[in-house]
Amino acid sequence: MAPKSAQRVLPLVSAAAFIAMWQVVARFYPPEQFPAPTDVVKALVELSADGVLWGHIGVSLARFGSAYLLALVTAVPLGLLLGRQPLARCAVDPLIQLLRPISPIAWFPLAVLWFGIGNAPAVFIIFLSVFFPILVSTISAVVKVPVIYLKVAANFGTRPLPTFLRVVVPAAFPGIMVGLHIGVGTGWIHLVAGEMLGAQSGLGFMIIDARNFLRTDWILAGMLVVGLLGLLINRVMRLAELWLGRRWGGAA
């Protein structure tokens, strides 16, 4: 394993190399076609000073948070239930496998028809993109809990509910977290796509609106903010995962 100092320095070196390469390539194109990093930084300062950027960030985070939380509180309990009930899983699995491959983008026309224009269609699209990865990962994690864990709990006379809460859920936790991480990635991607669909605010709207004004520096600034926020959300989830893992006796 690489030393901790190298683990801290290498990401900075790769980021600096990427920015330097970007700056060099941008010299061969007009700023209106391919802005340099310095132009994007100026655009970020401009958008921040006007307060436009912070407003769009707040709206996007609110949409993503509400959709992700809704998917979490529905997909995880349903996945735990289906993972522990083979007959229910057998009955529902064909429906899950039918709906899961359908891209959330394919639901755009129906989302607008059902919910109109505004927050609801974007939240619905994000929910769909998050729900199925979490559901499938949770079911798989519960099914793969070693049978020996359940036998040990039964030998100690543990009742079904405590066994489920203290044995099944902690044992399935790493697999569930895989689905939660995948859900963050797919949900954040479809947040931008959903906000390009009739929304009047949010980072996706800001990017598509900048295109209408041929402000490529604003477009790249919005894309950069989307990437940085996605990285931040992933790191926060990682910290939460480590904290829960320590509480349940996992590695620190």
C-alpha atoms as a PDB file:
ATOM      1  CA  MET A   1       0.000   0.000   0.000  1.00  0.00           C
ATOM      2  CA  ALA A   2       1.284   3.479  -0.855  1.00  0.00           C
ATOM      3  CA  PRO A   3       2.341   5.738   2.050  1.00  0.00           C
ATOM      4  CA  LYS A   4      -0.242   8.190   3.329  1.00  0.00           C
ATOM      5  CA  SER A   5       1.867  11.145   2.164  1.00  0.00           C
ATOM      6  CA  ALA A   6       1.821   9.783  -1.380  1.00  0.00           C
ATOM      7  CA  GLN A   7      -1.931   9.194  -1.168  1.00  0.00           C
ATOM      8  CA  ARG A   8      -2.374  12.881  -0.340  1.00  0.00           C
ATOM      9  CA  VAL A   9       0.055  14.235  -2.928  1.00  0.00           C
ATOM     10  CA  LEU A  10      -0.773  12.077  -5.957  1.00  0.00           C
ATOM     11  CA  PRO A  11      -4.356  13.380  -6.413  1.00  0.00           C
ATOM     12  CA  LEU A  12      -3.017  16.948  -6.312  1.00  0.00           C
ATOM     13  CA  VAL A  13      -0.342  16.114  -8.874  1.00  0.00           C
ATOM     14  CA  SER A  14      -2.842  14.485 -11.246  1.00  0.00           C
ATOM     15  CA  ALA A  15      -5.236  17.434 -10.864  1.00  0.00           C
ATOM     16  CA  ALA A  16      -2.429  19.911 -11.584  1.00  0.00           C
ATOM     17  CA  ALA A  17      -1.356  17.897 -14.652  1.00  0.00           C
ATOM     18  CA  PHE A  18      -4.932  17.853 -15.939  1.00  0.00           C
ATOM     19  CA  ILE A  19      -5.316  21.627 -15.490  1.00  0.00           C
ATOM     20  CA  ALA A  20      -1.966  22.263 -17.208  1.00  0.00           C
ATOM     21  CA  MET A  21      -2.937  20.065 -20.157  1.00  0.00           C
ATOM     22  CA  TRP A  22      -6.318  21.823 -20.345  1.00  0.00           C
ATOM     23  CA  GLN A  23      -4.584  25.216 -20.392  1.00  0.00           C
ATOM     24  CA  VAL A  24      -2.260  24.143 -23.218  1.00  0.00           C
ATOM     25  CA  VAL A  25      -5.037  22.643 -25.367  1.00  0.00           C
ATOM     26  CA  ALA A  26      -7.218  25.741 -24.878  1.00  0.00           C
ATOM     27  CA  ARG A  27      -4.549  27.911 -26.525  1.00  0.00           C
ATOM     28  CA  PHE A  28      -5.392  26.303 -29.883  1.00  0.00           C
ATOM     29  CA  TYR A  29      -9.090  27.262 -29.744  1.00  0.00           C
ATOM     30  CA  PRO A  30     -11.042  30.519 -29.455  1.00  0.00           C
ATOM     31  CA  PRO A  31     -12.213  31.223 -25.864  1.00  0.00           C
ATOM     32  CA  GLU A  32     -15.837  31.081 -27.048  1.00  0.00           C
ATOM     33  CA  GLN A  33     -15.315  27.519 -28.264  1.00  0.00           C
ATOM     34  CA  PHE A  34     -13.040  26.039 -25.598  1.00  0.00           C
ATOM     35  CA  PRO A  35     -12.397  28.262 -22.555  1.00  0.00           C
ATOM     36  CA  ALA A  36      -9.169  27.928 -20.632  1.00  0.00           C
ATOM     37  CA  PRO A  37      -9.151  27.156 -16.884  1.00  0.00           C
ATOM     38  CA  THR A  38      -8.488  30.823 -16.151  1.00  0.00           C
ATOM     39  CA  ASP A  39     -11.640  31.771 -18.079  1.00  0.00           C
ATOM     40  CA  VAL A  40     -13.668  29.197 -16.132  1.00  0.00           C
ATOM     41  CA  VAL A  41     -12.350  30.556 -12.832  1.00  0.00           C
ATOM     42  CA  LYS A  42     -13.378  34.067 -13.905  1.00  0.00           C
ATOM     43  CA  ALA A  43     -16.844  32.718 -14.774  1.00  0.00           C
ATOM     44  CA  LEU A  44     -17.118  31.076 -11.348  1.00  0.00           C
ATOM     45  CA  VAL A  45     -16.182  34.361  -9.667  1.00  0.00           C
ATOM     46  CA  GLU A  46     -18.728  36.214 -11.806  1.00  0.00           C
ATOM     47  CA  LEU A  47     -21.531  33.752 -11.058  1.00  0.00           C
ATOM     48  CA  SER A  48     -20.667  33.660  -7.365  1.00  0.00           C
ATOM     49  CA  ALA A  49     -20.543  37.429  -7.032  1.00  0.00           C
ATOM     50  CA  ASP A  50     -24.011  37.752  -8.563  1.00  0.00           C
ATOM     51  CA  GLY A  51     -25.364  35.075  -6.223  1.00  0.00           C
ATOM     52  CA  VAL A  52     -26.657  33.134  -9.229  1.00  0.00           C
ATOM     53  CA  LEU A  53     -24.421  30.120  -8.638  1.00  0.00           C
ATOM     54  CA  TRP A  54     -25.337  29.694  -4.967  1.00  0.00           C
ATOM     55  CA  GLY A  55     -29.028  29.817  -5.735  1.00  0.00           C
ATOM     56  CA  HIS A  56     -28.743  27.097  -8.367  1.00  0.00           C
ATOM     57  CA  ILE A  57     -26.568  24.961  -6.075  1.00  0.00           C
ATOM     58  CA  GLY A  58     -29.125  25.215  -3.275  1.00  0.00           C
ATOM     59  CA  VAL A  59     -31.997  24.198  -5.536  1.00  0.00           C
ATOM     60  CA  SER A  60     -30.071  21.261  -7.012  1.00  0.00           C
ATOM     61  CA  LEU A  61     -29.010  19.972  -3.600  1.00  0.00           C
ATOM     62  CA  ALA A  62     -32.580  20.239  -2.319  1.00  0.00           C
ATOM     63  CA  ARG A  63     -33.934  18.293  -5.293  1.00  0.00           C
ATOM     64  CA  PHE A  64     -31.257  15.645  -5.057  1.00  0.00           C
ATOM     65  CA  GLY A  65     -31.553  15.310  -1.292  1.00  0.00           C
ATOM     66  CA  SER A  66     -35.319  14.899  -1.319  1.00  0.00           C
ATOM     67  CA  ALA A  67     -35.281  12.352  -4.169  1.00  0.00           C
ATOM     68  CA  TYR A  68     -32.370  10.393  -2.688  1.00  0.00           C
ATOM     69  CA  LEU A  69     -33.953  10.291   0.764  1.00  0.00           C
ATOM     70  CA  LEU A  70     -37.254   9.124  -0.708  1.00  0.00           C
ATOM     71  CA  ALA A  71     -35.486   6.349  -2.620  1.00  0.00           C
ATOM     72  CA  LEU A  72     -33.513   5.389   0.475  1.00  0.00           C
ATOM     73  CA  VAL A  73     -36.524   5.027   2.786  1.00  0.00           C
ATOM     74  CA  THR A  74     -38.431   2.990   0.214  1.00  0.00           C
ATOM     75  CA  ALA A  75     -35.745   0.850  -1.466  1.00  0.00           C
ATOM     76  CA  VAL A  76     -33.808  -0.264   1.624  1.00  0.00           C
ATOM     77  CA  PRO A  77     -36.810  -1.549   3.651  1.00  0.00           C
ATOM     78  CA  LEU A  78     -38.270  -3.183   0.541  1.00  0.00           C
ATOM     79  CA  GLY A  79     -34.914  -4.766  -0.281  1.00  0.00           C
ATOM     80  CA  LEU A  80     -34.539  -6.079   3.278  1.00  0.00           C
ATOM     81  CA  LEU A  81     -38.022  -7.559   3.116  1.00  0.00           C
ATOM     82  CA  LEU A  82     -37.553  -9.200  -0.284  1.00  0.00           C
ATOM     83  CA  GLY A  83     -34.137 -10.470   0.700  1.00  0.00           C
ATOM     84  CA  ARG A  84     -35.605 -12.297   3.681  1.00  0.00           C
ATOM     85  CA  GLN A  85     -38.772 -13.545   1.957  1.00  0.00           C
ATOM     86  CA  PRO A  86     -37.945 -15.898  -0.961  1.00  0.00           C
ATOM     87  CA  LEU A  87     -41.563 -16.242  -2.113  1.00  0.00           C
ATOM     88  CA  ALA A  88     -42.099 -12.479  -2.213  1.00  0.00           C
ATOM     89  CA  ARG A  89     -38.782 -12.063  -4.023  1.00  0.00           C
ATOM     90  CA  CYS A  90     -39.766 -14.706  -6.566  1.00  0.00           C
ATOM     91  CA  ALA A  91     -43.052 -12.911  -7.209  1.00  0.00           C
ATOM     92  CA  VAL A  92     -41.609  -9.402  -7.556  1.00  0.00           C
ATOM     93  CA  ASP A  93     -38.262 -10.107  -9.228  1.00  0.00           C
ATOM     94  CA  PRO A  94     -39.632 -10.287 -12.822  1.00  0.00           C
ATOM     95  CA  LEU A  95     -41.211  -6.855 -12.396  1.00  0.00           C
ATOM     96  CA  ILE A  96     -37.974  -5.429 -11.006  1.00  0.00           C
ATOM     97  CA  GLN A  97     -35.947  -6.899 -13.855  1.00  0.00           C
ATOM     98  CA  LEU A  98     -38.458  -5.479 -16.345  1.00  0.00           C
ATOM     99  CA  LEU A  99     -38.367  -1.922 -15.021  1.00  0.00           C
ATOM    100  CA  ARG A 100     -34.728  -1.700 -13.940  1.00  0.00           C
ATOM    101  CA  PRO A 101     -33.142  -1.588 -17.440  1.00  0.00           C
ATOM    102  CA  ILE A 102     -35.417   1.251 -18.593  1.00  0.00           C
ATOM    103  CA  SER A 103     -33.374   4.438 -18.602  1.00  0.00           C
ATOM    104  CA  PRO A 104     -34.812   7.199 -16.402  1.00  0.00           C
ATOM    105  CA  ILE A 105     -34.414   9.483 -19.407  1.00  0.00           C
ATOM    106  CA  ALA A 106     -37.058   7.407 -21.204  1.00  0.00           C
ATOM    107  CA  TRP A 107     -39.506   8.522 -18.498  1.00  0.00           C
ATOM    108  CA  PHE A 108     -39.052  12.217 -19.358  1.00  0.00           C
ATOM    109  CA  PRO A 109     -42.210  12.571 -21.513  1.00  0.00           C
ATOM    110  CA  LEU A 110     -44.375  10.829 -18.924  1.00  0.00           C
ATOM    111  CA  ALA A 111     -42.781  12.780 -16.078  1.00  0.00           C
ATOM    112  CA  VAL A 112     -43.777  16.075 -17.696  1.00  0.00           C
ATOM    113  CA  LEU A 113     -47.232  14.737 -18.531  1.00  0.00           C
ATOM    114  CA  TRP A 114     -47.841  13.505 -14.979  1.00  0.00           C
ATOM    115  CA  PHE A 115     -46.149  16.225 -12.937  1.00  0.00           C
ATOM    116  CA  GLY A 116     -46.007  19.240 -15.249  1.00  0.00           C
ATOM    117  CA  ILE A 117     -43.068  21.645 -15.245  1.00  0.00           C
ATOM    118  CA  GLY A 118     -40.998  22.381 -12.166  1.00  0.00           C
ATOM    119  CA  ASN A 119     -39.434  20.415  -9.318  1.00  0.00           C
ATOM    120  CA  ALA A 120     -41.585  17.283  -9.457  1.00  0.00           C
ATOM    121  CA  PRO A 121     -40.383  15.849 -12.813  1.00  0.00           C
ATOM    122  CA  ALA A 122     -36.730  16.280 -11.842  1.00  0.00           C
ATOM    123  CA  VAL A 123     -37.303  14.679  -8.421  1.00  0.00           C
ATOM    124  CA  PHE A 124     -39.150  11.790 -10.068  1.00  0.00           C
ATOM    125  CA  ILE A 125     -36.309  11.162 -12.548  1.00  0.00           C
ATOM    126  CA  ILE A 126     -33.688  11.259  -9.782  1.00  0.00           C
ATOM    127  CA  PHE A 127     -35.802   8.918  -7.641  1.00  0.00           C
ATOM    128  CA  LEU A 128     -36.005   6.342 -10.443  1.00  0.00           C
ATOM    129  CA  SER A 129     -32.267   6.488 -11.081  1.00  0.00           C
ATOM    130  CA  VAL A 130     -31.508   5.919  -7.386  1.00  0.00           C
ATOM    131  CA  PHE A 131     -34.264   3.469  -6.389  1.00  0.00           C
ATOM    132  CA  PHE A 132     -33.302   0.405  -8.425  1.00  0.00           C
ATOM    133  CA  PRO A 133     -29.539   0.342  -7.673  1.00  0.00           C
ATOM    134  CA  ILE A 134     -30.285   0.563  -3.940  1.00  0.00           C
ATOM    135  CA  LEU A 135     -33.076  -2.012  -4.127  1.00  0.00           C
ATOM    136  CA  VAL A 136     -31.089  -4.604  -6.093  1.00  0.00           C
ATOM    137  CA  SER A 137     -27.956  -4.171  -3.971  1.00  0.00           C
ATOM    138  CA  THR A 138     -29.945  -4.489  -0.745  1.00  0.00           C
ATOM    139  CA  ILE A 139     -31.690  -7.670  -1.887  1.00  0.00           C
ATOM    140  CA  SER A 140     -28.378  -9.190  -2.984  1.00  0.00           C
ATOM    141  CA  ALA A 141     -26.655  -8.219   0.263  1.00  0.00           C
ATOM    142  CA  VAL A 142     -29.370  -9.796   2.426  1.00  0.00           C
ATOM    143  CA  VAL A 143     -29.472 -12.997   0.365  1.00  0.00           C
ATOM    144  CA  LYS A 144     -25.683 -13.367   0.720  1.00  0.00           C
ATOM    145  CA  VAL A 145     -25.647 -13.090   4.532  1.00  0.00           C
ATOM    146  CA  PRO A 146     -23.851 -16.289   5.657  1.00  0.00           C
ATOM    147  CA  VAL A 147     -26.254 -18.876   7.020  1.00  0.00           C
ATOM    148  CA  ILE A 148     -23.844 -19.622   9.869  1.00  0.00           C
ATOM    149  CA  TYR A 149     -24.612 -16.172  11.332  1.00  0.00           C
ATOM    150  CA  LEU A 150     -28.288 -17.032  11.542  1.00  0.00           C
ATOM    151  CA  LYS A 151     -27.564 -20.464  13.024  1.00  0.00           C
ATOM    152  CA  VAL A 152     -25.391 -18.957  15.749  1.00  0.00           C
ATOM    153  CA  ALA A 153     -28.092 -16.443  16.614  1.00  0.00           C
ATOM    154  CA  ALA A 154     -30.665 -19.261  16.744  1.00  0.00           C
ATOM    155  CA  ASN A 155     -28.418 -21.318  19.018  1.00  0.00           C
ATOM    156  CA  PHE A 156     -28.312 -18.411  21.460  1.00  0.00           C
ATOM    157  CA  GLY A 157     -32.113 -18.248  21.391  1.00  0.00           C
ATOM    158  CA  THR A 158     -32.262 -14.855  19.670  1.00  0.00           C
ATOM    159  CA  ARG A 159     -35.742 -13.939  18.496  1.00  0.00           C
ATOM    160  CA  PRO A 160     -36.414 -13.186  14.798  1.00  0.00           C
ATOM    161  CA  LEU A 161     -36.639  -9.399  15.110  1.00  0.00           C
ATOM    162  CA  PRO A 162     -33.401  -8.951  17.117  1.00  0.00           C
ATOM    163  CA  THR A 163     -31.704 -11.408  14.739  1.00  0.00           C
ATOM    164  CA  PHE A 164     -32.829  -9.306  11.800  1.00  0.00           C
ATOM    165  CA  LEU A 165     -31.756  -5.993  13.350  1.00  0.00           C
ATOM    166  CA  ARG A 166     -28.516  -7.125  15.012  1.00  0.00           C
ATOM    167  CA  VAL A 167     -27.299  -9.818  12.628  1.00  0.00           C
ATOM    168  CA  VAL A 168     -28.843  -9.505   9.159  1.00  0.00           C
ATOM    169  CA  VAL A 169     -28.727  -5.718   8.778  1.00  0.00           C
ATOM    170  CA  PRO A 170     -25.094  -5.270   9.990  1.00  0.00           C
ATOM    171  CA  ALA A 171     -23.938  -8.243   7.908  1.00  0.00           C
ATOM    172  CA  ALA A 172     -25.665  -6.855   4.809  1.00  0.00           C
ATOM    173  CA  PHE A 173     -24.482  -3.298   5.467  1.00  0.00           C
ATOM    174  CA  PRO A 174     -21.393  -3.347   3.162  1.00  0.00           C
ATOM    175  CA  GLY A 175     -23.502  -4.583   0.246  1.00  0.00           C
ATOM    176  CA  ILE A 176     -26.203  -2.020   0.960  1.00  0.00           C
ATOM    177  CA  MET A 177     -23.581   0.732   0.954  1.00  0.00           C
ATOM    178  CA  VAL A 178     -22.465  -0.359  -2.515  1.00  0.00           C
ATOM    179  CA  GLY A 179     -25.978   0.368  -3.748  1.00  0.00           C
ATOM    180  CA  LEU A 180     -26.057   3.695  -1.913  1.00  0.00           C
ATOM    181  CA  HIS A 181     -22.808   4.773  -3.562  1.00  0.00           C
ATOM    182  CA  ILE A 182     -24.039   3.696  -6.994  1.00  0.00           C
ATOM    183  CA  GLY A 183     -27.285   5.549  -6.327  1.00  0.00           C
ATOM    184  CA  VAL A 184     -25.398   8.766  -5.561  1.00  0.00           C
ATOM    185  CA  GLY A 185     -23.575   8.566  -8.883  1.00  0.00           C
ATOM    186  CA  THR A 186     -26.592   7.749 -11.032  1.00  0.00           C
ATOM    187  CA  GLY A 187     -28.837  10.173  -9.146  1.00  0.00           C
ATOM    188  CA  TRP A 188     -26.422  13.079  -9.452  1.00  0.00           C
ATOM    189  CA  ILE A 189     -25.990  12.430 -13.185  1.00  0.00           C
ATOM    190  CA  HIS A 190     -29.728  12.372 -13.766  1.00  0.00           C
ATOM    191  CA  LEU A 191     -30.203  15.466 -11.592  1.00  0.00           C
ATOM    192  CA  VAL A 192     -28.514  17.539 -14.289  1.00  0.00           C
ATOM    193  CA  ALA A 193     -30.494  15.795 -17.024  1.00  0.00           C
ATOM    194  CA  GLY A 194     -33.747  16.271 -15.139  1.00  0.00           C
ATOM    195  CA  GLU A 195     -33.076  19.969 -14.587  1.00  0.00           C
ATOM    196  CA  MET A 196     -32.570  20.412 -18.311  1.00  0.00           C
ATOM    197  CA  LEU A 197     -36.161  19.234 -18.746  1.00  0.00           C
ATOM    198  CA  GLY A 198     -38.339  22.265 -18.203  1.00  0.00           C
ATOM    199  CA  ALA A 199     -36.855  23.356 -14.868  1.00  0.00           C
ATOM    200  CA  GLN A 200     -36.289  27.047 -14.283  1.00  0.00           C
ATOM    201  CA  SER A 201     -33.515  26.693 -11.722  1.00  0.00           C
ATOM    202  CA  GLY A 202     -30.695  24.385 -10.684  1.00  0.00           C
ATOM    203  CA  LEU A 203     -27.279  23.578 -12.106  1.00  0.00           C
ATOM    204  CA  GLY A 204     -28.703  21.686 -15.080  1.00  0.00           C
ATOM    205  CA  PHE A 205     -30.869  24.688 -15.974  1.00  0.00           C
ATOM    206  CA  MET A 206     -27.875  27.004 -15.555  1.00  0.00           C
ATOM    207  CA  ILE A 207     -25.824  24.909 -17.979  1.00  0.00           C
ATOM    208  CA  ILE A 208     -28.547  24.717 -20.629  1.00  0.00           C
ATOM    209  CA  ASP A 209     -29.309  28.438 -20.193  1.00  0.00           C
ATOM    210  CA  ALA A 210     -25.627  29.270 -20.654  1.00  0.00           C
ATOM    211  CA  ARG A 211     -25.682  27.308 -23.903  1.00  0.00           C
ATOM    212  CA  ASN A 212     -28.506  29.518 -25.165  1.00  0.00           C
ATOM    213  CA  PHE A 213     -26.296  32.566 -24.579  1.00  0.00           C
ATOM    214  CA  LEU A 214     -23.181  30.836 -26.009  1.00  0.00           C
ATOM    215  CA  ARG A 215     -21.409  31.244 -22.657  1.00  0.00           C
ATOM    216  CA  THR A 216     -19.170  28.199 -22.819  1.00  0.00           C
ATOM    217  CA  ASP A 217     -17.220  29.465 -19.803  1.00  0.00           C
ATOM    218  CA  TRP A 218     -20.443  29.303 -17.744  1.00  0.00           C
ATOM    219  CA  ILE A 219     -21.131  25.825 -19.137  1.00  0.00           C
ATOM    220  CA  LEU A 220     -17.755  24.497 -18.036  1.00  0.00           C
ATOM    221  CA  ALA A 221     -18.071  26.317 -14.721  1.00  0.00           C
ATOM    222  CA  GLY A 222     -21.398  24.579 -14.111  1.00  0.00           C
ATOM    223  CA  MET A 223     -19.921  21.222 -15.104  1.00  0.00           C
ATOM    224  CA  LEU A 224     -17.003  21.770 -12.729  1.00  0.00           C
ATOM    225  CA  VAL A 225     -19.340  22.606  -9.854  1.00  0.00           C
ATOM    226  CA  VAL A 226     -21.416  19.494 -10.578  1.00  0.00           C
ATOM    227  CA  GLY A 227     -18.276  17.347 -10.419  1.00  0.00           C
ATOM    228  CA  LEU A 228     -16.984  18.950  -7.226  1.00  0.00           C
ATOM    229  CA  LEU A 229     -20.319  18.604  -5.459  1.00  0.00           C
ATOM    230  CA  GLY A 230     -20.550  14.966  -6.529  1.00  0.00           C
ATOM    231  CA  LEU A 231     -17.080  14.365  -5.084  1.00  0.00           C
ATOM    232  CA  LEU A 232     -18.053  16.094  -1.840  1.00  0.00           C
ATOM    233  CA  ILE A 233     -21.253  14.064  -1.471  1.00  0.00           C
ATOM    234  CA  ASN A 234     -19.339  10.840  -2.074  1.00  0.00           C
ATOM    235  CA  ARG A 235     -16.762  11.744   0.597  1.00  0.00           C
ATOM    236  CA  VAL A 236     -19.497  12.565   3.119  1.00  0.00           C
ATOM    237  CA  MET A 237     -21.118   9.205   2.433  1.00  0.00           C
ATOM    238  CA  ARG A 238     -17.772   7.478   2.874  1.00  0.00           C
ATOM    239  CA  LEU A 239     -17.336   9.091   6.310  1.00  0.00           C
ATOM    240  CA  ALA A 240     -20.854   8.014   7.301  1.00  0.00           C
ATOM    241  CA  GLU A 241     -20.095   4.477   6.103  1.00  0.00           C
ATOM    242  CA  LEU A 242     -16.907   4.294   8.190  1.00  0.00           C
ATOM    243  CA  TRP A 243     -18.732   5.613  11.268  1.00  0.00           C
ATOM    244  CA  LEU A 244     -21.513   3.044  10.982  1.00  0.00           C
ATOM    245  CA  GLY A 245     -19.002   0.309  10.237  1.00  0.00           C
ATOM    246  CA  ARG A 246     -17.135   1.066  13.468  1.00  0.00           C
ATOM    247  CA  ARG A 247     -20.376   1.018  15.452  1.00  0.00           C
ATOM    248  CA  TRP A 248     -21.154  -2.460  14.093  1.00  0.00           C
ATOM    249  CA  GLY A 249     -17.668  -3.800  14.717  1.00  0.00           C
ATOM    250  CA  GLY A 250     -16.273  -3.292  11.224  1.00  0.00           C
ATOM    251  CA  ALA A 251     -12.807  -2.084  10.340  1.00  0.00           C
ATOM    252  CA  ALA A 252     -12.015   1.530  11.229  1.00  0.00           C
END
